[in-house]
């Protein structure tokens, strides 16, 4: 399964919902959604700063991750960005690949 870092930022209406139901309920809702999509919630943290929450999920593939992000963003209560995460073994495999690349202007 592929891992993704999901950064979530709540709109004012989304924050009102969070205030009503609480952080644990939000984590449980995300865990159920991810599980229903064949994935697993690895970590869920609320934060101060650029994003309101940082979530790490394992999902079957990029298409599933895109479907999740599209549907969350459509709610208009939270905006998410997703970043694919690579483990060290993935990087080991990547550095061993031969790439025939020509830089611009070369």
N, C-alpha and C. Protein backbone atom coordinates (compact mmCIF):
# COMPACT_ATOMS: atom_id res chain seq x y z
N UNK A 1 0.85 -1.18 0.00
CA UNK A 1 0.00 0.00 0.00
C UNK A 1 0.89 1.24 0.00
N UNK A 2 0.37 2.30 -0.58
CA UNK A 2 1.08 3.57 -0.64
C UNK A 2 0.73 4.41 0.58
N UNK A 3 1.70 5.18 1.06
CA UNK A 3 1.47 6.06 2.21
C UNK A 3 1.39 7.50 1.73
N UNK A 4 0.53 8.26 2.40
CA UNK A 4 0.33 9.66 2.06
C UNK A 4 0.26 10.51 3.33
N UNK A 5 0.83 11.71 3.24
CA UNK A 5 0.66 12.72 4.27
C UNK A 5 -0.45 13.64 3.78
N UNK A 6 -1.50 13.76 4.56
CA UNK A 6 -2.62 14.62 4.22
C UNK A 6 -2.63 15.79 5.19
N UNK A 7 -2.51 17.00 4.63
CA UNK A 7 -2.59 18.22 5.44
C UNK A 7 -3.99 18.79 5.27
N UNK A 8 -4.67 19.02 6.39
CA UNK A 8 -6.05 19.50 6.35
C UNK A 8 -6.15 20.88 7.00
N UNK A 9 -6.90 21.75 6.34
CA UNK A 9 -7.19 23.08 6.87
C UNK A 9 -8.70 23.26 6.89
N UNK A 10 -9.24 23.56 8.06
CA UNK A 10 -10.68 23.71 8.21
C UNK A 10 -11.13 25.11 7.83
N UNK A 11 -12.30 25.19 7.18
CA UNK A 11 -12.95 26.48 6.95
C UNK A 11 -13.62 26.88 8.27
N UNK A 12 -14.09 28.13 8.38
CA UNK A 12 -14.81 28.49 9.61
C UNK A 12 -15.99 27.56 9.91
N UNK A 13 -16.73 27.14 8.89
CA UNK A 13 -17.85 26.22 9.12
C UNK A 13 -17.34 24.85 9.57
N UNK A 14 -16.20 24.42 9.02
CA UNK A 14 -15.60 23.16 9.44
C UNK A 14 -15.16 23.20 10.89
N UNK A 15 -14.63 24.34 11.33
CA UNK A 15 -14.23 24.49 12.73
C UNK A 15 -15.44 24.41 13.64
N UNK A 16 -16.56 24.98 13.20
CA UNK A 16 -17.79 24.89 14.01
C UNK A 16 -18.20 23.44 14.20
N UNK A 17 -18.09 22.63 13.15
CA UNK A 17 -18.40 21.21 13.27
C UNK A 17 -17.44 20.51 14.21
N UNK A 18 -16.16 20.86 14.12
CA UNK A 18 -15.16 20.29 15.02
C UNK A 18 -15.45 20.66 16.47
N UNK A 19 -15.84 21.90 16.70
CA UNK A 19 -16.18 22.33 18.06
C UNK A 19 -17.37 21.56 18.62
N UNK A 20 -18.32 21.22 17.74
CA UNK A 20 -19.50 20.46 18.18
C UNK A 20 -19.17 19.01 18.52
N UNK A 21 -18.37 18.36 17.66
CA UNK A 21 -18.16 16.92 17.84
C UNK A 21 -16.84 16.55 18.51
N UNK A 22 -15.85 17.41 18.44
CA UNK A 22 -14.58 17.14 19.10
C UNK A 22 -13.56 16.43 18.21
N UNK A 23 -12.33 16.44 18.67
CA UNK A 23 -11.22 15.87 17.92
C UNK A 23 -11.26 14.36 17.78
N UNK A 24 -11.64 13.66 18.83
CA UNK A 24 -11.69 12.20 18.77
C UNK A 24 -12.72 11.72 17.76
N UNK A 25 -13.86 12.38 17.73
CA UNK A 25 -14.90 12.02 16.76
C UNK A 25 -14.42 12.26 15.33
N UNK A 26 -13.64 13.33 15.13
CA UNK A 26 -13.13 13.62 13.79
C UNK A 26 -12.15 12.54 13.36
N UNK A 27 -11.26 12.14 14.29
CA UNK A 27 -10.32 11.08 13.98
C UNK A 27 -11.06 9.78 13.65
N UNK A 28 -12.08 9.44 14.42
CA UNK A 28 -12.85 8.23 14.16
C UNK A 28 -13.54 8.28 12.80
N UNK A 29 -14.06 9.44 12.43
CA UNK A 29 -14.73 9.58 11.13
C UNK A 29 -13.73 9.38 9.99
N UNK A 30 -12.54 9.97 10.13
CA UNK A 30 -11.51 9.81 9.09
C UNK A 30 -11.05 8.35 9.03
N UNK A 31 -10.88 7.74 10.19
CA UNK A 31 -10.45 6.33 10.23
C UNK A 31 -11.46 5.43 9.52
N UNK A 32 -12.75 5.68 9.72
CA UNK A 32 -13.79 4.87 9.06
C UNK A 32 -13.77 5.09 7.55
N UNK A 33 -13.65 6.33 7.13
CA UNK A 33 -13.62 6.63 5.70
C UNK A 33 -12.44 5.94 5.03
N UNK A 34 -11.26 6.07 5.63
CA UNK A 34 -10.05 5.46 5.07
C UNK A 34 -10.19 3.93 5.05
N UNK A 35 -10.70 3.36 6.11
CA UNK A 35 -10.91 1.91 6.18
C UNK A 35 -11.89 1.43 5.11
N UNK A 36 -12.97 2.19 4.92
CA UNK A 36 -13.96 1.83 3.91
C UNK A 36 -13.37 1.86 2.50
N UNK A 37 -12.27 2.61 2.32
CA UNK A 37 -11.61 2.70 1.02
C UNK A 37 -10.48 1.69 0.89
N UNK A 38 -10.39 0.77 1.86
CA UNK A 38 -9.37 -0.27 1.80
C UNK A 38 -8.03 0.15 2.37
N UNK A 39 -8.02 1.25 3.12
CA UNK A 39 -6.78 1.76 3.67
C UNK A 39 -6.71 1.68 5.18
N UNK A 40 -5.70 2.33 5.72
CA UNK A 40 -5.49 2.33 7.17
C UNK A 40 -5.02 3.72 7.61
N UNK A 41 -5.61 4.22 8.70
CA UNK A 41 -5.16 5.46 9.31
C UNK A 41 -3.93 5.14 10.15
N UNK A 42 -2.81 5.75 9.82
CA UNK A 42 -1.55 5.50 10.54
C UNK A 42 -1.35 6.49 11.69
N UNK A 43 -1.70 7.76 11.45
CA UNK A 43 -1.51 8.80 12.48
C UNK A 43 -2.46 9.96 12.18
N UNK A 44 -2.91 10.62 13.23
CA UNK A 44 -3.79 11.78 13.10
C UNK A 44 -3.43 12.76 14.20
N UNK A 45 -2.98 13.94 13.80
CA UNK A 45 -2.60 14.97 14.76
C UNK A 45 -3.20 16.30 14.38
N UNK A 46 -3.75 17.01 15.36
CA UNK A 46 -4.13 18.40 15.17
C UNK A 46 -2.88 19.24 15.42
N UNK A 47 -2.83 20.44 14.82
CA UNK A 47 -1.62 21.23 14.90
C UNK A 47 -1.93 22.73 14.87
N UNK A 48 -0.95 23.50 15.29
CA UNK A 48 -0.97 24.95 15.11
C UNK A 48 -0.17 25.24 13.85
N UNK A 49 -0.50 26.31 13.16
CA UNK A 49 0.33 26.71 12.02
C UNK A 49 -0.42 26.68 10.70
N UNK A 50 0.30 26.29 9.65
CA UNK A 50 -0.25 26.33 8.30
C UNK A 50 -1.44 25.41 8.10
N UNK A 51 -1.45 24.28 8.75
CA UNK A 51 -2.55 23.31 8.62
C UNK A 51 -3.14 23.05 10.00
N UNK A 52 -4.40 22.65 10.01
CA UNK A 52 -5.08 22.33 11.27
C UNK A 52 -4.87 20.89 11.70
N UNK A 53 -4.61 20.01 10.74
CA UNK A 53 -4.39 18.60 11.06
C UNK A 53 -3.42 17.99 10.06
N UNK A 54 -2.63 17.05 10.56
CA UNK A 54 -1.71 16.27 9.74
C UNK A 54 -2.09 14.81 9.93
N UNK A 55 -2.33 14.13 8.81
CA UNK A 55 -2.82 12.76 8.85
C UNK A 55 -1.94 11.91 7.94
N UNK A 56 -1.53 10.75 8.43
CA UNK A 56 -0.79 9.80 7.60
C UNK A 56 -1.69 8.60 7.39
N UNK A 57 -1.90 8.26 6.10
CA UNK A 57 -2.76 7.14 5.75
C UNK A 57 -2.03 6.21 4.79
N UNK A 58 -2.37 4.94 4.87
CA UNK A 58 -1.98 3.95 3.86
C UNK A 58 -3.20 3.69 3.02
N UNK A 59 -3.03 3.81 1.70
CA UNK A 59 -4.14 3.60 0.76
C UNK A 59 -3.68 2.66 -0.33
N UNK A 60 -4.63 1.98 -0.99
CA UNK A 60 -4.25 1.00 -2.01
C UNK A 60 -3.42 1.58 -3.15
N UNK A 61 -3.71 2.84 -3.57
CA UNK A 61 -3.02 3.40 -4.73
C UNK A 61 -3.29 4.90 -4.83
N UNK A 62 -2.67 5.52 -5.86
CA UNK A 62 -2.84 6.96 -6.08
C UNK A 62 -4.27 7.33 -6.44
N UNK A 63 -4.96 6.48 -7.16
CA UNK A 63 -6.34 6.77 -7.55
C UNK A 63 -7.23 6.87 -6.32
N UNK A 64 -7.02 5.97 -5.37
CA UNK A 64 -7.79 6.02 -4.12
C UNK A 64 -7.48 7.30 -3.35
N UNK A 65 -6.21 7.69 -3.33
CA UNK A 65 -5.82 8.93 -2.65
C UNK A 65 -6.46 10.14 -3.33
N UNK A 66 -6.50 10.13 -4.65
CA UNK A 66 -7.12 11.23 -5.37
C UNK A 66 -8.62 11.30 -5.09
N UNK A 67 -9.28 10.15 -5.07
CA UNK A 67 -10.71 10.11 -4.77
C UNK A 67 -11.00 10.65 -3.37
N UNK A 68 -10.16 10.28 -2.42
CA UNK A 68 -10.33 10.76 -1.05
C UNK A 68 -10.19 12.27 -1.00
N UNK A 69 -9.12 12.80 -1.59
CA UNK A 69 -8.88 14.24 -1.56
C UNK A 69 -9.99 15.01 -2.28
N UNK A 70 -10.41 14.53 -3.44
CA UNK A 70 -11.47 15.21 -4.19
C UNK A 70 -12.76 15.29 -3.38
N UNK A 71 -13.11 14.19 -2.74
CA UNK A 71 -14.37 14.17 -1.98
C UNK A 71 -14.30 15.01 -0.72
N UNK A 72 -13.16 15.01 -0.06
CA UNK A 72 -13.01 15.87 1.13
C UNK A 72 -13.09 17.33 0.73
N UNK A 73 -12.35 17.71 -0.32
CA UNK A 73 -12.35 19.10 -0.75
C UNK A 73 -13.72 19.56 -1.22
N UNK A 74 -14.51 18.65 -1.77
CA UNK A 74 -15.85 18.98 -2.24
C UNK A 74 -16.78 19.35 -1.09
N UNK A 75 -16.46 18.91 0.12
CA UNK A 75 -17.31 19.22 1.28
C UNK A 75 -17.36 20.70 1.58
N UNK A 76 -16.33 21.45 1.15
CA UNK A 76 -16.20 22.88 1.41
C UNK A 76 -16.06 23.20 2.90
N UNK A 77 -15.85 22.19 3.74
CA UNK A 77 -15.65 22.39 5.16
C UNK A 77 -14.19 22.22 5.56
N UNK A 78 -13.46 21.57 4.69
CA UNK A 78 -12.03 21.34 4.93
C UNK A 78 -11.34 21.26 3.58
N UNK A 79 -10.12 21.76 3.54
CA UNK A 79 -9.32 21.69 2.32
C UNK A 79 -8.10 20.83 2.63
N UNK A 80 -7.81 19.87 1.76
CA UNK A 80 -6.66 18.99 2.00
C UNK A 80 -5.69 19.02 0.82
N UNK A 81 -4.44 18.80 1.16
CA UNK A 81 -3.41 18.52 0.17
C UNK A 81 -2.78 17.19 0.56
N UNK A 82 -2.43 16.40 -0.43
CA UNK A 82 -1.87 15.07 -0.18
C UNK A 82 -0.46 15.00 -0.77
N UNK A 83 0.43 14.38 -0.02
CA UNK A 83 1.81 14.18 -0.45
C UNK A 83 2.13 12.70 -0.36
N UNK A 84 2.59 12.13 -1.48
CA UNK A 84 3.00 10.72 -1.45
C UNK A 84 4.27 10.60 -0.61
N UNK A 85 4.32 9.59 0.23
CA UNK A 85 5.49 9.35 1.08
C UNK A 85 6.24 8.12 0.59
N UNK A 86 7.56 8.20 0.58
CA UNK A 86 8.41 7.09 0.15
C UNK A 86 9.20 6.60 1.35
N UNK A 87 9.29 5.28 1.49
CA UNK A 87 10.14 4.75 2.55
C UNK A 87 11.57 4.64 2.03
N UNK A 88 12.55 4.44 2.90
CA UNK A 88 13.94 4.39 2.46
C UNK A 88 14.21 3.34 1.39
N UNK A 89 13.51 2.22 1.43
CA UNK A 89 13.69 1.18 0.42
C UNK A 89 13.23 1.64 -0.95
N UNK A 90 12.15 2.45 -0.99
CA UNK A 90 11.70 3.02 -2.27
C UNK A 90 12.78 3.93 -2.85
N UNK A 91 13.41 4.73 -2.00
CA UNK A 91 14.47 5.62 -2.46
C UNK A 91 15.67 4.81 -2.94
N UNK A 92 15.99 3.72 -2.22
CA UNK A 92 17.08 2.84 -2.66
C UNK A 92 16.83 2.33 -4.07
N UNK A 93 15.61 1.91 -4.35
CA UNK A 93 15.26 1.41 -5.68
C UNK A 93 15.33 2.54 -6.71
N UNK A 94 14.89 3.74 -6.33
CA UNK A 94 14.89 4.86 -7.26
C UNK A 94 16.30 5.27 -7.66
N UNK A 95 17.23 5.29 -6.71
CA UNK A 95 18.59 5.73 -7.04
C UNK A 95 19.32 4.72 -7.92
N UNK A 96 18.84 3.50 -7.96
CA UNK A 96 19.46 2.46 -8.79
C UNK A 96 18.93 2.47 -10.23
N UNK A 97 17.86 3.23 -10.48
CA UNK A 97 17.27 3.27 -11.82
C UNK A 97 18.13 4.16 -12.74
N UNK A 98 18.26 3.72 -13.97
CA UNK A 98 18.96 4.51 -14.98
C UNK A 98 17.95 5.43 -15.64
N UNK A 99 18.29 6.72 -15.71
CA UNK A 99 17.40 7.72 -16.29
C UNK A 99 18.16 8.46 -17.39
N UNK A 100 17.60 8.46 -18.60
CA UNK A 100 18.19 9.16 -19.72
C UNK A 100 17.49 10.51 -19.83
N UNK A 101 18.05 11.54 -19.16
CA UNK A 101 17.42 12.85 -19.08
C UNK A 101 18.35 13.90 -19.71
N UNK A 102 17.76 14.80 -20.50
CA UNK A 102 18.50 15.91 -21.06
C UNK A 102 17.96 17.18 -20.42
N UNK A 103 18.82 17.93 -19.75
CA UNK A 103 18.41 19.17 -19.09
C UNK A 103 18.03 20.22 -20.12
N UNK A 104 17.13 21.14 -19.79
CA UNK A 104 16.75 22.21 -20.71
C UNK A 104 17.98 22.99 -21.15
N UNK A 105 18.09 23.25 -22.46
CA UNK A 105 19.19 24.03 -22.99
C UNK A 105 20.46 23.22 -23.23
N UNK A 106 20.45 21.92 -22.94
CA UNK A 106 21.64 21.09 -23.15
C UNK A 106 21.67 20.54 -24.54
